[in-house]
Amino acid sequence: MNSYLQKYGFQSPKIAVTPNQKLGIVVVIPCFNEPNTTATLDSLLQCKIPKLEFKVIVVVNQSEIIDSEIAERNLKTIAELKFWQISHPDFPLEIMEELSLPKKHAGVGLARKIGMDEAVHLFYQSQTDGIIVALDSDCVVENNYFQEIESHFEQNENTPGCSIRYAHPIDGKEDDINLGIIQYELHLRYYNQALKWAGFPFAFHTVGSSMAVRSSAYQKQGGMNKRKAGEDFYFLQKIIELGSFTELNSTCVIPSPRISDRVPFGTGKAIGDFIENDIQIYHTYQFQIFVLLAEIPTWISSLYEGKKVRHHNEAVQSFLDSIDFENKVEEIKNNTSSFSKFEKRFYSFFNAFTVLKFTHFMRDNGLPNQPVSQECKLLLATIKKQKEEGTLSELLTYYRHLDQE
């Protein structure tokens, strides 16, 4: 067992290693209370074969204390997966049955970790620094999925990982589910574009079903966390901090827009709330929050020179005081020997977690959430990419294109 697994592994590896196999890609799929995991496998089966050998690991998981109906669903899923495996003997599928995980930690984070740690083990035995890919069991992928992941990491030798393009299926209907998913995806893309506009270097999508990392980077940053939700956001921020993080836009993951209560937030939860509460308009952070936020990156040079800076907005300054901004910056200045190192340390302090706290603070202190379509248009007007009045679907299509520029 390698040093990472000895220090951070949740359990001993369980998957047998094929002698002399030179793996290049391992796709990890957590599966909990899923009605149709084989659809994801069918999608992967249709993919063009990459040059590198690959393996797919499905981690069927549940807590040691679980509702009997869900337990039965998981057992049925395992039976379906095994039948699929027998029916496709040449497809490199591994099924992990993790049906008694500690109640304290059981959840999507631990399930991802178990599968991704197995990938580390397989790559270690194969003596390769392979690519660990995260996918979800309610997704399908474009048929160039494997080849484009392989090509991306070949062409970007220094990247520790990447965010993979995603797009929820939209069928053109104006029903509740479509209205919900369009506006929720708009919220995700608006937030990402607003961060880019504000000048922050960590403006990347952090969706658990559409990301990939090198095994070495995964190990260096301590692996996947065991969070029950938001594990993807927290994990990818550690990878992004390594620098040279990239976006892969030449293939696409298509997540399910279905209702789900498996995690306390995310797409499924958002759509469930949207329908249950009969919401027609999804709200997001005001663009004015990002206007105020954008002032902070302009301070970097002055802060490096030792100048004291205060924000003209009282609420923003109150937030900065609450995180001990002035003293933290002085500490960073005293422990760095160049501007580039200072800048890197600054954004490790004023990172994506801090920015998210900032948006919530400002939301609760005078700048409440507003309709997402309204704020999306304000951002577009500000970056000189005016979008004439159109449907929500057209606005989403525009933002999808913007994310690929």
Protein backbone atom coordinates (compact mmCIF):
# COMPACT_ATOMS: atom_id res chain seq x y z
CA MET A 1 0.00 0.00 0.00
CA ASN A 2 1.34 3.46 -0.84
CA SER A 3 1.89 6.23 1.70
CA TYR A 4 -1.28 8.16 0.83
CA LEU A 5 -3.50 5.15 1.47
CA GLN A 6 -1.66 4.34 4.69
CA LYS A 7 -2.26 7.88 5.97
CA TYR A 8 -5.62 8.83 4.49
CA GLY A 9 -7.29 5.63 3.28
CA PHE A 10 -10.69 4.83 4.76
CA GLN A 11 -10.17 1.08 4.37
CA SER A 12 -7.82 -1.42 2.79
CA PRO A 13 -8.12 -1.75 -1.01
CA LYS A 14 -10.60 -4.39 -2.15
CA ILE A 15 -10.21 -4.57 -5.94
CA ALA A 16 -7.79 -7.15 -7.23
CA VAL A 17 -5.10 -5.84 -9.54
CA THR A 18 -4.77 -7.32 -13.01
CA PRO A 19 -1.11 -8.29 -13.54
CA ASN A 20 0.78 -5.98 -15.91
CA GLN A 21 -2.29 -3.89 -16.59
CA LYS A 22 -1.31 -0.31 -17.47
CA LEU A 23 -4.37 1.62 -16.43
CA GLY A 24 -4.77 5.22 -17.57
CA ILE A 25 -8.32 6.16 -16.54
CA VAL A 26 -10.59 5.09 -13.68
CA VAL A 27 -14.17 6.40 -13.56
CA VAL A 28 -15.72 6.38 -10.07
CA ILE A 29 -19.52 6.36 -9.72
CA PRO A 30 -21.14 6.55 -6.27
CA CYS A 31 -24.58 4.91 -6.23
CA PHE A 32 -27.21 5.32 -3.52
CA ASN A 33 -30.94 4.71 -3.93
CA GLU A 34 -30.63 4.95 -7.71
CA PRO A 35 -33.38 3.65 -10.01
CA ASN A 36 -31.41 3.31 -13.24
CA THR A 37 -27.64 3.09 -12.86
CA THR A 38 -27.31 0.80 -15.87
CA ALA A 39 -28.29 3.72 -18.12
CA THR A 40 -25.04 5.39 -17.10
CA LEU A 41 -23.13 2.21 -17.91
CA ASP A 42 -24.92 1.92 -21.27
CA SER A 43 -23.75 5.44 -22.03
CA LEU A 44 -20.14 4.60 -21.16
CA LEU A 45 -20.39 1.41 -23.19
CA GLN A 46 -21.17 3.49 -26.28
CA CYS A 47 -18.06 5.64 -25.85
CA LYS A 48 -15.18 5.44 -28.28
CA ILE A 49 -12.31 3.46 -26.78
CA PRO A 50 -9.29 5.54 -25.64
CA LYS A 51 -5.68 4.52 -26.14
CA LEU A 52 -5.27 4.10 -22.40
CA GLU A 53 -6.83 1.17 -20.57
CA PHE A 54 -9.72 2.20 -18.36
CA LYS A 55 -11.86 0.85 -15.55
CA VAL A 56 -15.24 1.85 -14.13
CA ILE A 57 -15.95 1.48 -10.40
CA VAL A 58 -19.53 1.70 -9.12
CA VAL A 59 -19.72 2.14 -5.35
CA VAL A 60 -23.16 1.05 -4.14
CA ASN A 61 -23.29 2.52 -0.65
CA GLN A 62 -25.48 3.04 2.38
CA SER A 63 -25.26 3.66 6.09
CA GLU A 64 -25.24 0.90 8.68
CA ILE A 65 -28.61 2.36 9.72
CA ILE A 66 -30.86 2.68 6.66
CA ASP A 67 -34.52 2.68 5.69
CA SER A 68 -35.56 -0.82 4.58
CA GLU A 69 -37.03 0.47 1.31
CA ILE A 70 -33.74 2.09 0.34
CA ALA A 71 -31.82 -1.02 1.40
CA GLU A 72 -34.02 -3.10 -0.91
CA ARG A 73 -33.48 -0.61 -3.73
CA ASN A 74 -29.73 -0.87 -3.30
CA LEU A 75 -29.82 -4.68 -3.32
CA LYS A 76 -31.90 -4.56 -6.48
CA THR A 77 -29.36 -2.17 -8.01
CA ILE A 78 -26.52 -4.57 -7.18
CA ALA A 79 -28.41 -7.42 -8.85
CA GLU A 80 -29.02 -5.25 -11.93
CA LEU A 81 -25.35 -4.25 -12.06
CA LYS A 82 -24.19 -7.85 -11.80
CA PHE A 83 -26.55 -8.90 -14.58
CA TRP A 84 -25.25 -6.03 -16.73
CA GLN A 85 -21.68 -7.09 -15.92
CA ILE A 86 -22.37 -10.67 -17.02
CA SER A 87 -24.06 -9.38 -20.17
CA HIS A 88 -21.02 -7.25 -21.05
CA PRO A 89 -18.04 -9.42 -20.02
CA ASP A 90 -15.50 -7.33 -21.92
CA PHE A 91 -16.42 -4.07 -20.19
CA PRO A 92 -14.01 -3.33 -17.28
CA LEU A 93 -16.60 -2.85 -14.52
CA GLU A 94 -16.00 -3.24 -10.79
CA ILE A 95 -18.93 -3.28 -8.36
CA MET A 96 -18.20 -2.34 -4.75
CA GLU A 97 -20.83 -3.23 -2.16
CA GLU A 98 -20.44 -0.79 0.75
CA LEU A 99 -23.66 -1.49 2.64
CA SER A 100 -22.72 -0.84 6.26
CA LEU A 101 -20.79 2.42 6.33
CA PRO A 102 -20.54 4.30 9.66
CA LYS A 103 -23.63 6.45 10.13
CA LYS A 104 -21.47 9.45 11.05
CA HIS A 105 -19.72 9.51 7.67
CA ALA A 106 -21.97 7.60 5.25
CA GLY A 107 -22.83 9.71 2.24
CA VAL A 108 -21.69 10.78 -1.20
CA GLY A 109 -18.32 12.13 -0.02
CA LEU A 110 -17.30 8.85 1.60
CA ALA A 111 -18.60 6.86 -1.38
CA ARG A 112 -16.53 8.96 -3.78
CA LYS A 113 -13.53 8.63 -1.49
CA ILE A 114 -13.79 4.83 -1.32
CA GLY A 115 -13.87 4.56 -5.12
CA MET A 116 -11.21 7.20 -5.75
CA ASP A 117 -8.90 5.61 -3.17
CA GLU A 118 -9.33 2.31 -5.00
CA ALA A 119 -8.22 4.11 -8.15
CA VAL A 120 -5.09 5.31 -6.33
CA HIS A 121 -4.36 1.70 -5.36
CA LEU A 122 -4.82 0.46 -8.92
CA PHE A 123 -2.60 3.16 -10.40
CA TYR A 124 0.02 2.55 -7.72
CA GLN A 125 0.14 -1.13 -8.59
CA SER A 126 0.27 -0.28 -12.29
CA GLN A 127 3.01 2.30 -11.64
CA THR A 128 1.10 4.99 -13.52
CA ASP A 129 -0.06 8.49 -12.61
CA GLY A 130 -3.51 7.89 -14.03
CA ILE A 131 -6.62 10.02 -14.28
CA ILE A 132 -9.38 9.65 -11.68
CA VAL A 133 -12.73 10.71 -13.11
CA ALA A 134 -15.81 11.47 -11.01
CA LEU A 135 -19.24 10.74 -12.46
CA ASP A 136 -22.71 10.23 -10.96
CA SER A 137 -25.09 7.34 -11.46
CA ASP A 138 -27.84 9.54 -12.86
CA CYS A 139 -25.75 10.90 -15.74
CA VAL A 140 -25.02 10.01 -19.33
CA VAL A 141 -22.04 11.20 -21.37
CA GLU A 142 -21.18 12.04 -24.95
CA ASN A 143 -19.50 9.22 -26.84
CA ASN A 144 -16.13 11.01 -27.04
CA TYR A 145 -15.96 11.14 -23.22
CA PHE A 146 -12.98 8.82 -22.68
CA GLN A 147 -11.02 10.03 -25.69
CA GLU A 148 -11.39 13.72 -24.83
CA ILE A 149 -10.41 13.19 -21.19
CA GLU A 150 -7.33 11.28 -22.35
CA SER A 151 -6.45 13.93 -24.94
CA HIS A 152 -6.98 16.80 -22.51
CA PHE A 153 -4.50 15.49 -19.98
CA GLU A 154 -2.01 14.66 -22.74
CA GLN A 155 -2.19 18.21 -24.06
CA ASN A 156 -2.13 19.82 -20.62
CA GLU A 157 0.80 18.08 -19.00
CA ASN A 158 0.91 20.44 -16.02
CA THR A 159 -2.75 20.41 -15.12
CA PRO A 160 -3.60 18.66 -11.83
CA GLY A 161 -7.23 18.36 -12.81
CA CYS A 162 -10.11 19.77 -14.81
CA SER A 163 -13.76 20.63 -14.74
CA ILE A 164 -15.71 18.84 -17.49
CA ARG A 165 -18.48 20.59 -19.39
CA TYR A 166 -21.98 19.67 -18.24
CA ALA A 167 -25.47 20.52 -19.49
CA HIS A 168 -28.80 19.40 -18.09
CA PRO A 169 -31.24 18.05 -20.69
CA ILE A 170 -33.82 20.63 -21.73
CA ASP A 171 -36.73 19.40 -23.85
CA GLY A 172 -38.30 22.77 -24.63
CA LYS A 173 -41.38 22.32 -22.45
CA GLU A 174 -42.31 25.09 -20.02
CA ASP A 175 -43.23 22.69 -17.20
CA ASP A 176 -42.07 22.99 -13.60
CA ILE A 177 -39.06 20.69 -13.93
CA ASN A 178 -37.75 22.49 -17.02
CA LEU A 179 -38.32 25.93 -15.51
CA GLY A 180 -36.55 24.80 -12.36
CA ILE A 181 -33.53 23.20 -14.01
CA ILE A 182 -33.04 26.05 -16.50
CA GLN A 183 -33.01 28.65 -13.74
CA TYR A 184 -30.87 26.56 -11.40
CA GLU A 185 -28.25 25.94 -14.09
CA LEU A 186 -28.39 29.65 -14.93
CA HIS A 187 -27.63 30.37 -11.26
CA LEU A 188 -24.56 28.10 -11.38
CA ARG A 189 -23.25 29.62 -14.61
CA TYR A 190 -24.03 33.18 -13.55
CA TYR A 191 -22.11 32.73 -10.30
CA ASN A 192 -19.11 31.32 -12.16
CA GLN A 193 -19.12 34.11 -14.76
CA ALA A 194 -19.58 36.77 -12.07
CA LEU A 195 -16.49 35.48 -10.24
CA LYS A 196 -14.50 35.58 -13.50
CA TRP A 197 -15.65 39.13 -14.15
CA ALA A 198 -14.71 40.13 -10.59
CA GLY A 199 -11.14 38.94 -11.23
CA PHE A 200 -10.85 35.84 -9.06
CA PRO A 201 -8.58 33.01 -10.26
CA PHE A 202 -10.68 30.16 -8.89
CA ALA A 203 -13.76 30.71 -11.08
CA PHE A 204 -14.41 27.13 -12.17
CA HIS A 205 -17.47 24.91 -12.02
CA THR A 206 -17.25 22.42 -9.16
CA VAL A 207 -19.83 19.79 -10.07
CA GLY A 208 -19.11 16.32 -8.68
CA SER A 209 -20.42 14.50 -11.72
CA SER A 210 -18.09 16.33 -14.10
CA MET A 211 -14.51 16.51 -12.85
CA ALA A 212 -11.23 14.66 -13.27
CA VAL A 213 -7.87 14.76 -11.46
CA ARG A 214 -4.47 13.15 -11.73
CA SER A 215 -3.83 10.50 -9.09
CA SER A 216 -0.71 12.38 -7.92
CA ALA A 217 -2.70 15.60 -7.36
CA TYR A 218 -5.46 13.70 -5.60
CA GLN A 219 -2.94 12.20 -3.19
CA LYS A 220 -0.97 15.42 -2.70
CA GLN A 221 -4.08 17.27 -1.52
CA GLY A 222 -5.21 14.55 0.87
CA GLY A 223 -7.83 12.90 -1.31
CA MET A 224 -11.59 13.22 -1.25
CA ASN A 225 -13.32 14.39 1.92
CA LYS A 226 -16.19 12.57 3.65
CA ARG A 227 -18.75 15.36 3.48
CA LYS A 228 -22.34 14.31 2.97
CA ALA A 229 -22.87 17.17 0.51
CA GLY A 230 -20.71 19.82 -1.10
CA GLU A 231 -17.81 17.36 -1.18
CA ASP A 232 -17.11 18.28 -4.81
CA PHE A 233 -16.76 22.01 -4.06
CA TYR A 234 -14.41 21.52 -1.13
CA PHE A 235 -12.36 18.88 -2.93
CA LEU A 236 -11.88 20.79 -6.18
CA GLN A 237 -10.86 23.98 -4.40
CA LYS A 238 -7.85 22.07 -3.01
CA ILE A 239 -6.97 20.90 -6.52
CA ILE A 240 -7.48 24.39 -8.02
CA GLU A 241 -5.05 25.84 -5.45
CA LEU A 242 -2.26 23.77 -7.04
CA GLY A 243 -2.46 26.01 -10.10
CA SER A 244 -2.84 25.22 -13.83
CA PHE A 245 -6.37 23.88 -13.30
CA THR A 246 -8.23 23.59 -16.61
CA GLU A 247 -11.64 23.27 -18.24
CA LEU A 248 -12.52 20.44 -20.62
CA ASN A 249 -15.19 21.64 -23.03
CA SER A 250 -14.83 19.19 -25.93
CA THR A 251 -17.10 16.57 -24.35
CA CYS A 252 -20.13 16.79 -22.10
CA VAL A 253 -21.78 15.17 -19.09
CA ILE A 254 -25.58 15.26 -19.08
CA PRO A 255 -26.89 15.07 -15.48
CA SER A 256 -30.44 14.08 -14.66
CA PRO A 257 -32.81 16.97 -13.87
CA ARG A 258 -34.90 14.77 -11.62
CA ILE A 259 -36.05 15.56 -8.10
CA SER A 260 -33.85 14.15 -5.34
CA ASP A 261 -33.61 14.37 -1.56
CA ARG A 262 -30.36 12.43 -1.26
CA VAL A 263 -28.34 15.52 -0.30
CA PRO A 264 -29.36 18.79 1.45
CA PHE A 265 -28.48 20.94 -1.57
CA GLY A 266 -27.57 20.64 -5.22
CA THR A 267 -29.52 20.12 -8.42
CA GLY A 268 -31.97 17.46 -7.22
CA LYS A 269 -32.75 19.33 -4.01
CA ALA A 270 -33.17 22.63 -5.86
CA ILE A 271 -35.64 21.13 -8.33
CA GLY A 272 -37.54 19.41 -5.51
CA ASP A 273 -37.90 22.68 -3.60
CA PHE A 274 -38.86 24.50 -6.79
CA ILE A 275 -41.77 22.15 -7.46
CA GLU A 276 -42.85 21.46 -3.87
CA ASN A 277 -43.06 25.16 -3.03
CA ASP A 278 -44.68 26.06 -6.38
CA ILE A 279 -41.86 28.47 -7.22
CA GLN A 280 -41.87 30.02 -10.68
CA ILE A 281 -38.88 32.31 -10.30
CA TYR A 282 -35.49 31.17 -8.99
CA HIS A 283 -33.51 33.78 -7.06
CA THR A 284 -29.74 34.27 -6.96
CA TYR A 285 -27.13 36.67 -5.56
CA GLN A 286 -27.41 40.28 -6.68
CA PHE A 287 -24.86 41.35 -9.27
CA GLN A 288 -24.14 44.38 -7.08
CA ILE A 289 -22.46 42.00 -4.62
CA PHE A 290 -19.89 41.07 -7.28
CA VAL A 291 -19.46 44.74 -8.21
CA LEU A 292 -18.42 45.39 -4.62
CA LEU A 293 -16.32 42.20 -4.53
CA ALA A 294 -14.44 43.17 -7.70
CA GLU A 295 -12.70 46.00 -5.89
CA ILE A 296 -10.70 43.60 -3.73
CA PRO A 297 -8.47 42.04 -6.46
CA THR A 298 -7.46 45.58 -7.48
CA TRP A 299 -5.84 46.01 -4.07
CA ILE A 300 -3.21 43.30 -4.51
CA SER A 301 -0.31 45.54 -5.54
CA SER A 302 -1.06 48.11 -2.83
CA LEU A 303 -1.35 45.42 -0.18
CA TYR A 304 1.98 43.96 -1.27
CA GLU A 305 3.53 47.40 -0.88
CA GLY A 306 2.27 47.51 2.70
CA LYS A 307 -0.47 50.09 2.17
CA LYS A 308 -3.60 50.03 4.33
CA VAL A 309 -6.80 49.72 2.34
CA ARG A 310 -10.43 50.05 3.38
CA HIS A 311 -13.52 49.34 1.33
CA HIS A 312 -15.85 52.27 0.68
CA ASN A 313 -18.88 50.09 1.46
CA GLU A 314 -19.54 49.71 5.21
CA ALA A 315 -21.05 46.23 4.94
CA VAL A 316 -18.08 44.95 2.91
CA GLN A 317 -15.64 46.44 5.39
CA SER A 318 -17.60 44.87 8.23
CA PHE A 319 -17.15 41.48 6.56
CA LEU A 320 -13.42 42.09 6.06
CA ASP A 321 -13.08 43.01 9.73
CA SER A 322 -14.92 39.82 10.70
CA ILE A 323 -12.27 37.68 8.94
CA ASP A 324 -9.37 39.76 10.38
CA PHE A 325 -8.44 40.84 6.85
CA GLU A 326 -5.83 43.47 7.73
CA ASN A 327 -3.84 41.25 10.09
CA LYS A 328 -4.04 38.23 7.78
CA VAL A 329 -2.70 40.28 4.88
CA GLU A 330 0.14 41.62 7.02
CA GLU A 331 1.00 38.08 8.06
CA ILE A 332 1.07 36.96 4.41
CA LYS A 333 3.27 39.95 3.52
CA ASN A 334 5.74 39.12 6.28
CA ASN A 335 6.05 35.52 5.11
CA THR A 336 6.47 35.93 1.35
CA SER A 337 9.52 37.02 -0.61
CA SER A 338 7.98 38.03 -3.94
CA PHE A 339 4.81 39.48 -5.39
CA SER A 340 3.83 36.21 -7.10
CA LYS A 341 4.13 34.29 -3.84
CA PHE A 342 2.20 37.02 -2.02
CA GLU A 343 -0.58 36.89 -4.60
CA LYS A 344 -0.82 33.09 -4.37
CA ARG A 345 -0.93 33.18 -0.57
CA PHE A 346 -3.52 35.97 -0.67
CA TYR A 347 -5.91 33.90 -2.77
CA SER A 348 -5.32 30.90 -0.53
CA PHE A 349 -6.65 33.11 2.26
CA PHE A 350 -9.34 34.97 0.30
CA ASN A 351 -10.40 31.78 -1.43
CA ALA A 352 -13.61 30.37 -2.86
CA PHE A 353 -14.92 29.51 0.63
CA THR A 354 -14.37 33.08 1.79
CA VAL A 355 -16.02 34.50 -1.32
CA LEU A 356 -19.06 32.27 -0.78
CA LYS A 357 -19.27 33.47 2.84
CA PHE A 358 -19.00 37.02 1.53
CA THR A 359 -21.92 36.59 -0.88
CA HIS A 360 -24.06 35.15 1.91
CA PHE A 361 -23.06 37.97 4.27
CA MET A 362 -23.99 40.63 1.72
CA ARG A 363 -27.22 38.82 0.88
CA ASP A 364 -28.18 38.98 4.54
CA ASN A 365 -27.05 42.59 4.97
CA GLY A 366 -28.93 44.73 2.52
CA LEU A 367 -28.58 42.96 -0.83
CA PRO A 368 -31.18 40.17 -0.85
CA ASN A 369 -31.41 37.63 -3.66
CA GLN A 370 -33.12 38.66 -6.89
CA PRO A 371 -34.60 36.79 -9.91
CA VAL A 372 -31.81 34.92 -11.69
CA SER A 373 -32.81 36.08 -15.18
CA GLN A 374 -32.62 39.71 -14.04
CA GLU A 375 -29.14 39.36 -12.54
CA CYS A 376 -27.88 37.33 -15.52
CA LYS A 377 -28.85 40.18 -17.84
CA LEU A 378 -27.19 42.76 -15.59
CA LEU A 379 -23.91 40.83 -15.78
CA LEU A 380 -24.14 40.50 -19.55
CA ALA A 381 -24.80 44.22 -19.95
CA THR A 382 -21.80 45.02 -17.75
CA ILE A 383 -19.39 42.88 -19.75
CA LYS A 384 -20.73 44.40 -22.98
CA LYS A 385 -22.42 41.19 -24.05
CA GLN A 386 -25.99 42.46 -24.13
CA LYS A 387 -28.63 39.81 -24.62
CA GLU A 388 -31.92 40.93 -26.07
CA GLU A 389 -35.08 39.82 -24.37
CA GLY A 390 -35.70 36.14 -24.95
CA THR A 391 -36.82 32.98 -23.24
CA LEU A 392 -35.06 31.48 -20.23
CA SER A 393 -33.87 28.63 -22.47
CA GLU A 394 -32.23 31.11 -24.84
CA LEU A 395 -30.53 32.87 -21.94
CA LEU A 396 -29.19 29.54 -20.66
CA THR A 397 -27.90 28.65 -24.13
CA TYR A 398 -26.09 31.99 -24.22
CA TYR A 399 -24.47 31.38 -20.82
CA ARG A 400 -23.43 27.88 -21.86
CA HIS A 401 -21.60 29.38 -24.85
CA LEU A 402 -20.08 32.04 -22.58
CA ASP A 403 -18.66 29.34 -20.31
CA GLN A 404 -16.83 27.82 -23.28
CA GLU A 405 -15.13 31.04 -24.43
